[in-house]
Amino acid sequence: MTMTDIELAENARDGDRNAFRQLVERHYDSAYRVALRMTGSVPDAEDIAQDVCLALADKLSSFRGTSRFSTWLYRVVVNACRDHHRKRATSDRLHSNYAMVYEFSRADEADDSQRRGWLSDAIADLEPALRETAILVLSEDLNHKEAGEILGCAENTISWRMHEIRKKLKTLVDANHD
């Protein structure tokens, strides 16, 4: 007799490894398909589906059986995809920030120190919160989360500040080229 998803989930939650294995085997393909559709990337979908399966043992405690197991699992996969997207967006922003600062600080051999001096002066002229953020993220190579912890603000606040810093530096560069 085949057990229902709810029965398997209950047994798996109680430590039944065979029930857990059956649950994963039964729903892995669906989790992967949803992740693939949401990310558009085979490697990302594989990573997300595997991560969801690895975390499933802990997450089963939140499954109450008030909906179908597959509905609950889809929510778990969608949330994992959202988390993945947020992490990727944060990583992309960091790379973009570093690339922009690198572009600002990169110079020909002849005027390298002049450009570095310009960047230091530009950062020194920023309002204190932006200056502190620039120093921690750009000079000390801290990520946004670490800088936020040090400055007592959210990671998103650091991301916003870095956006503002990029805008201000770009405005200064554009003004110097006119």
Foldseek 3Di string as FASTA:
>chain_A
DDDFLVVLLVVLLVPDVVSLVVNLVVCLVVLLVLLCVLPVDNVRSVVLSVVCSVCVNVCSVVDPPPDGPNVVSSVVSVVSSVVVVVVVVQVVLLVVLQVLVCVQQDDDPVCNVVSVVVVVVLLVPDDPVLSQLCCCCPVVVDRLCVSCVVVVHHSVVSSVSSVVSSVSVVVVVVVVVD
